N, C-alpha and C. Protein backbone atom coordinates (compact mmCIF):
# COMPACT_ATOMS: atom_id res chain seq x y z
N MET A 1 2.44 19.59 -0.45
CA MET A 1 1.95 18.24 -0.59
C MET A 1 1.35 18.01 -1.97
N LYS A 2 0.75 19.04 -2.57
CA LYS A 2 0.15 18.90 -3.89
C LYS A 2 1.20 18.53 -4.93
N ILE A 3 2.41 19.05 -4.79
CA ILE A 3 3.47 18.74 -5.74
C ILE A 3 3.84 17.26 -5.63
N THR A 4 3.91 16.72 -4.43
CA THR A 4 4.24 15.32 -4.23
C THR A 4 3.19 14.43 -4.87
N VAL A 5 1.93 14.74 -4.70
CA VAL A 5 0.86 13.95 -5.30
C VAL A 5 0.96 14.02 -6.82
N LYS A 6 1.23 15.21 -7.37
CA LYS A 6 1.37 15.34 -8.82
C LYS A 6 2.54 14.51 -9.32
N CYS A 7 3.68 14.56 -8.60
CA CYS A 7 4.85 13.77 -9.00
C CYS A 7 4.54 12.28 -8.98
N ALA A 8 3.83 11.84 -7.96
CA ALA A 8 3.46 10.43 -7.86
C ALA A 8 2.55 10.03 -9.01
N LEU A 9 1.60 10.88 -9.35
CA LEU A 9 0.69 10.57 -10.46
C LEU A 9 1.42 10.53 -11.79
N VAL A 10 2.37 11.43 -11.99
CA VAL A 10 3.17 11.42 -13.21
C VAL A 10 3.97 10.13 -13.28
N LEU A 11 4.60 9.74 -12.18
CA LEU A 11 5.38 8.51 -12.14
C LEU A 11 4.51 7.30 -12.48
N ILE A 12 3.36 7.22 -11.88
CA ILE A 12 2.45 6.10 -12.15
C ILE A 12 2.03 6.08 -13.61
N SER A 13 1.73 7.24 -14.17
CA SER A 13 1.34 7.32 -15.58
C SER A 13 2.45 6.86 -16.50
N VAL A 14 3.67 7.29 -16.21
CA VAL A 14 4.81 6.89 -17.04
C VAL A 14 5.02 5.39 -16.97
N ILE A 15 5.02 4.82 -15.76
CA ILE A 15 5.24 3.39 -15.61
C ILE A 15 4.13 2.60 -16.30
N TRP A 16 2.90 3.06 -16.17
CA TRP A 16 1.78 2.34 -16.76
C TRP A 16 1.85 2.35 -18.29
N SER A 17 2.35 3.44 -18.87
CA SER A 17 2.37 3.55 -20.32
C SER A 17 3.59 2.92 -20.97
N LEU A 18 4.62 2.57 -20.21
CA LEU A 18 5.83 2.01 -20.80
C LEU A 18 5.58 0.76 -21.64
N PRO A 19 4.82 -0.23 -21.15
CA PRO A 19 4.59 -1.40 -21.99
C PRO A 19 3.86 -1.07 -23.30
N LEU A 20 3.03 -0.06 -23.28
CA LEU A 20 2.30 0.31 -24.48
C LEU A 20 3.22 0.96 -25.51
N LEU A 21 4.23 1.68 -25.04
CA LEU A 21 5.13 2.40 -25.92
C LEU A 21 6.28 1.54 -26.43
N ALA A 22 6.66 0.53 -25.69
CA ALA A 22 7.86 -0.25 -26.00
C ALA A 22 7.51 -1.47 -26.85
N LYS A 23 7.85 -1.40 -28.14
CA LYS A 23 7.68 -2.54 -29.02
C LYS A 23 8.95 -3.36 -29.03
N GLU A 24 10.06 -2.72 -28.72
CA GLU A 24 11.34 -3.39 -28.58
C GLU A 24 11.83 -3.15 -27.16
N SER A 25 12.93 -3.76 -26.84
CA SER A 25 13.51 -3.49 -25.52
C SER A 25 13.95 -2.04 -25.47
N PRO A 26 13.64 -1.35 -24.39
CA PRO A 26 14.01 0.06 -24.31
C PRO A 26 15.52 0.22 -24.21
N SER A 27 16.04 1.27 -24.83
CA SER A 27 17.47 1.55 -24.73
C SER A 27 17.77 2.45 -23.54
N ARG A 28 16.77 3.18 -23.09
CA ARG A 28 16.92 4.06 -21.93
C ARG A 28 15.64 4.04 -21.11
N ILE A 29 15.79 4.11 -19.82
CA ILE A 29 14.64 4.18 -18.92
C ILE A 29 14.86 5.35 -17.99
N ILE A 30 13.85 6.18 -17.83
CA ILE A 30 13.91 7.30 -16.90
C ILE A 30 13.10 6.89 -15.67
N LEU A 31 13.75 6.91 -14.53
CA LEU A 31 13.10 6.56 -13.28
C LEU A 31 12.87 7.83 -12.49
N VAL A 32 11.62 8.11 -12.17
CA VAL A 32 11.28 9.29 -11.39
C VAL A 32 10.89 8.82 -10.00
N ILE A 33 11.53 9.38 -8.99
CA ILE A 33 11.26 9.00 -7.61
C ILE A 33 10.59 10.17 -6.91
N GLY A 34 9.40 9.93 -6.36
CA GLY A 34 8.70 10.97 -5.64
C GLY A 34 9.36 11.23 -4.29
N ASP A 35 10.06 12.34 -4.16
CA ASP A 35 10.75 12.67 -2.92
C ASP A 35 9.72 12.89 -1.82
N GLY A 36 9.92 12.25 -0.68
CA GLY A 36 8.98 12.36 0.43
C GLY A 36 7.79 11.42 0.29
N MET A 37 7.85 10.48 -0.63
CA MET A 37 6.74 9.58 -0.91
C MET A 37 6.91 8.28 -0.15
N GLY A 38 6.99 8.36 1.17
CA GLY A 38 7.15 7.17 2.00
C GLY A 38 5.82 6.55 2.35
N MET A 39 5.89 5.46 3.10
CA MET A 39 4.68 4.76 3.50
C MET A 39 3.78 5.64 4.37
N GLU A 40 4.39 6.57 5.09
CA GLU A 40 3.59 7.48 5.92
C GLU A 40 2.64 8.30 5.06
N PHE A 41 3.14 8.76 3.90
CA PHE A 41 2.31 9.54 2.98
C PHE A 41 1.16 8.70 2.45
N VAL A 42 1.47 7.49 2.01
CA VAL A 42 0.43 6.61 1.47
C VAL A 42 -0.61 6.28 2.54
N THR A 43 -0.15 6.01 3.74
CA THR A 43 -1.08 5.71 4.84
C THR A 43 -1.95 6.92 5.18
N ALA A 44 -1.34 8.10 5.21
CA ALA A 44 -2.11 9.32 5.48
C ALA A 44 -3.16 9.54 4.39
N TYR A 45 -2.76 9.29 3.13
CA TYR A 45 -3.70 9.45 2.01
C TYR A 45 -4.85 8.45 2.14
N ARG A 46 -4.53 7.23 2.53
CA ARG A 46 -5.57 6.20 2.69
C ARG A 46 -6.57 6.61 3.78
N HIS A 47 -6.07 7.14 4.88
CA HIS A 47 -6.96 7.59 5.95
C HIS A 47 -7.77 8.81 5.52
N TYR A 48 -7.17 9.68 4.71
CA TYR A 48 -7.87 10.85 4.19
C TYR A 48 -9.05 10.42 3.32
N LYS A 49 -8.85 9.41 2.50
CA LYS A 49 -9.91 8.92 1.60
C LYS A 49 -10.94 8.05 2.30
N HIS A 50 -10.65 7.59 3.50
CA HIS A 50 -11.50 6.63 4.19
C HIS A 50 -12.90 7.16 4.44
N ASP A 51 -13.86 6.32 4.17
CA ASP A 51 -15.26 6.63 4.45
C ASP A 51 -15.57 6.16 5.87
N PRO A 52 -15.89 7.09 6.76
CA PRO A 52 -16.14 6.70 8.17
C PRO A 52 -17.28 5.71 8.33
N GLU A 53 -18.15 5.62 7.34
CA GLU A 53 -19.28 4.68 7.41
C GLU A 53 -18.84 3.25 7.10
N SER A 54 -17.65 3.09 6.53
CA SER A 54 -17.15 1.77 6.14
C SER A 54 -16.23 1.21 7.22
N SER A 55 -16.25 -0.10 7.37
CA SER A 55 -15.37 -0.73 8.37
C SER A 55 -13.99 -1.05 7.80
N GLU A 56 -13.81 -0.93 6.48
CA GLU A 56 -12.53 -1.24 5.85
C GLU A 56 -11.94 0.03 5.24
N LEU A 57 -10.62 0.14 5.31
CA LEU A 57 -9.95 1.26 4.66
C LEU A 57 -9.99 1.07 3.16
N GLU A 58 -10.17 2.16 2.45
CA GLU A 58 -10.21 2.08 0.99
C GLU A 58 -8.84 1.86 0.40
N GLN A 59 -8.81 1.19 -0.74
CA GLN A 59 -7.57 1.05 -1.49
C GLN A 59 -7.29 2.39 -2.17
N THR A 60 -6.03 2.67 -2.41
CA THR A 60 -5.66 3.89 -3.12
C THR A 60 -5.08 3.52 -4.47
N LEU A 61 -4.88 4.51 -5.31
CA LEU A 61 -4.30 4.24 -6.61
C LEU A 61 -2.86 3.76 -6.49
N PHE A 62 -2.22 3.97 -5.35
CA PHE A 62 -0.84 3.53 -5.15
C PHE A 62 -0.76 2.03 -4.86
N ASP A 63 -1.81 1.45 -4.31
CA ASP A 63 -1.77 0.06 -3.88
C ASP A 63 -1.49 -0.91 -5.01
N LYS A 64 -2.03 -0.67 -6.18
CA LYS A 64 -1.82 -1.62 -7.27
C LYS A 64 -0.41 -1.52 -7.86
N TRP A 65 0.31 -0.46 -7.54
CA TRP A 65 1.66 -0.28 -8.08
C TRP A 65 2.75 -0.62 -7.08
N LEU A 66 2.42 -0.78 -5.82
CA LEU A 66 3.43 -1.05 -4.81
C LEU A 66 3.95 -2.47 -4.98
N LEU A 67 5.23 -2.58 -5.30
CA LEU A 67 5.85 -3.88 -5.52
C LEU A 67 6.85 -4.23 -4.43
N GLY A 68 7.36 -3.25 -3.76
CA GLY A 68 8.35 -3.50 -2.73
C GLY A 68 8.73 -2.21 -2.05
N MET A 69 9.65 -2.33 -1.13
CA MET A 69 10.09 -1.15 -0.39
C MET A 69 11.59 -1.23 -0.22
N SER A 70 12.18 -0.10 0.10
CA SER A 70 13.61 -0.08 0.39
C SER A 70 13.85 0.82 1.59
N ALA A 71 14.90 0.50 2.32
CA ALA A 71 15.30 1.34 3.46
C ALA A 71 16.40 2.28 2.97
N THR A 72 16.16 3.55 3.07
CA THR A 72 17.11 4.51 2.52
C THR A 72 17.69 5.42 3.58
N HIS A 73 17.66 4.99 4.83
CA HIS A 73 18.24 5.81 5.89
C HIS A 73 19.75 5.95 5.67
N PRO A 74 20.35 7.01 6.18
CA PRO A 74 21.78 7.21 5.98
C PRO A 74 22.62 6.20 6.77
N HIS A 75 23.89 6.09 6.40
CA HIS A 75 24.79 5.11 7.00
C HIS A 75 24.90 5.28 8.52
N ASP A 76 24.89 6.52 8.97
CA ASP A 76 25.06 6.75 10.41
C ASP A 76 23.75 6.58 11.18
N HIS A 77 22.71 6.11 10.50
CA HIS A 77 21.43 5.76 11.10
C HIS A 77 20.72 6.92 11.80
N HIS A 78 20.86 8.12 11.25
CA HIS A 78 20.03 9.22 11.72
C HIS A 78 18.57 8.84 11.46
N GLN A 79 17.69 9.41 12.19
CA GLN A 79 16.27 9.11 12.00
C GLN A 79 15.73 9.71 10.71
N VAL A 80 16.34 10.81 10.27
CA VAL A 80 15.85 11.49 9.07
C VAL A 80 16.98 11.53 8.05
N THR A 81 16.67 11.13 6.83
CA THR A 81 17.66 11.19 5.75
C THR A 81 17.32 12.34 4.82
N ASP A 82 18.30 12.80 4.07
CA ASP A 82 18.02 13.82 3.07
C ASP A 82 17.90 13.15 1.69
N SER A 83 17.54 13.94 0.71
CA SER A 83 17.31 13.40 -0.63
C SER A 83 18.57 12.78 -1.23
N ALA A 84 19.72 13.38 -0.99
CA ALA A 84 20.97 12.89 -1.58
C ALA A 84 21.32 11.50 -1.04
N ALA A 85 21.35 11.35 0.27
CA ALA A 85 21.68 10.05 0.86
C ALA A 85 20.64 9.00 0.49
N SER A 86 19.40 9.40 0.45
CA SER A 86 18.33 8.48 0.09
C SER A 86 18.46 8.03 -1.36
N ALA A 87 18.71 8.97 -2.27
CA ALA A 87 18.87 8.63 -3.69
C ALA A 87 20.08 7.74 -3.91
N THR A 88 21.15 7.97 -3.17
CA THR A 88 22.33 7.12 -3.28
C THR A 88 22.01 5.70 -2.83
N ALA A 89 21.34 5.57 -1.70
CA ALA A 89 20.97 4.24 -1.21
C ALA A 89 20.08 3.52 -2.22
N PHE A 90 19.15 4.23 -2.80
CA PHE A 90 18.20 3.63 -3.74
C PHE A 90 18.87 3.26 -5.06
N SER A 91 19.69 4.15 -5.59
CA SER A 91 20.24 3.95 -6.94
C SER A 91 21.55 3.19 -6.96
N ALA A 92 22.28 3.14 -5.84
CA ALA A 92 23.57 2.46 -5.81
C ALA A 92 23.56 1.23 -4.91
N GLY A 93 22.56 1.14 -4.04
CA GLY A 93 22.52 0.03 -3.11
C GLY A 93 23.57 0.17 -2.01
N VAL A 94 24.04 1.40 -1.80
CA VAL A 94 25.08 1.67 -0.81
C VAL A 94 24.61 2.82 0.06
N LYS A 95 24.73 2.65 1.36
CA LYS A 95 24.36 3.74 2.28
C LYS A 95 25.41 4.84 2.23
N SER A 96 24.94 6.07 2.30
CA SER A 96 25.81 7.24 2.30
C SER A 96 25.50 8.05 3.55
N TYR A 97 25.85 9.29 3.55
CA TYR A 97 25.57 10.17 4.68
C TYR A 97 24.82 11.39 4.17
N ASN A 98 24.08 12.04 5.02
CA ASN A 98 23.32 13.22 4.62
C ASN A 98 24.25 14.26 4.02
N GLY A 99 23.83 14.84 2.89
CA GLY A 99 24.61 15.85 2.21
C GLY A 99 25.51 15.30 1.11
N ALA A 100 25.53 13.99 0.93
CA ALA A 100 26.40 13.39 -0.08
C ALA A 100 25.57 12.58 -1.07
N ILE A 101 25.96 12.62 -2.33
CA ILE A 101 25.27 11.83 -3.35
C ILE A 101 26.30 11.11 -4.20
N GLY A 102 26.03 9.83 -4.46
CA GLY A 102 26.89 9.04 -5.32
C GLY A 102 28.20 8.61 -4.68
N VAL A 103 28.28 8.68 -3.36
CA VAL A 103 29.48 8.21 -2.65
C VAL A 103 29.05 7.35 -1.47
N ASP A 104 29.98 6.47 -1.01
CA ASP A 104 29.67 5.67 0.17
C ASP A 104 29.94 6.48 1.43
N HIS A 105 29.84 5.83 2.58
CA HIS A 105 30.00 6.54 3.84
C HIS A 105 31.42 7.05 4.07
N ASN A 106 32.38 6.55 3.27
CA ASN A 106 33.76 7.05 3.35
C ASN A 106 34.06 8.11 2.32
N GLY A 107 33.08 8.47 1.50
CA GLY A 107 33.29 9.48 0.47
C GLY A 107 33.81 8.94 -0.84
N VAL A 108 33.87 7.60 -0.98
CA VAL A 108 34.35 6.97 -2.20
C VAL A 108 33.20 6.87 -3.21
N GLU A 109 33.45 7.32 -4.44
CA GLU A 109 32.41 7.32 -5.47
C GLU A 109 31.92 5.90 -5.76
N VAL A 110 30.60 5.76 -5.92
CA VAL A 110 29.98 4.46 -6.23
C VAL A 110 29.17 4.56 -7.51
N GLY A 111 29.03 3.45 -8.20
CA GLY A 111 28.22 3.42 -9.41
C GLY A 111 26.74 3.40 -9.08
N THR A 112 25.94 3.98 -9.94
CA THR A 112 24.49 4.03 -9.73
C THR A 112 23.78 3.45 -10.95
N ILE A 113 22.51 3.16 -10.76
CA ILE A 113 21.73 2.70 -11.89
C ILE A 113 21.42 3.87 -12.79
């Protein structure tokens, strides 16, 4: 779990510093996705930080960066997806199957961001 938190912090730092570094339009953007960084993780972290004396849950450092969500389950709607199918859904906008990356559910190659 410590690795996931470190990855998330690195991602947040990179995103936060991009406007400071970019005087022109960037020619390349590196997108880092924290594997296993779902809403369950953020919710668990929020409850971990919660002060039992307070009636409200505390905000986390992730809350100010959350802009949206995506569903990355595999095409066959298994309950659990793997990193490859999830990355394909996120980067190509096309559902794949567990064990495959960069292809649709029929195995046809798809373009990615």
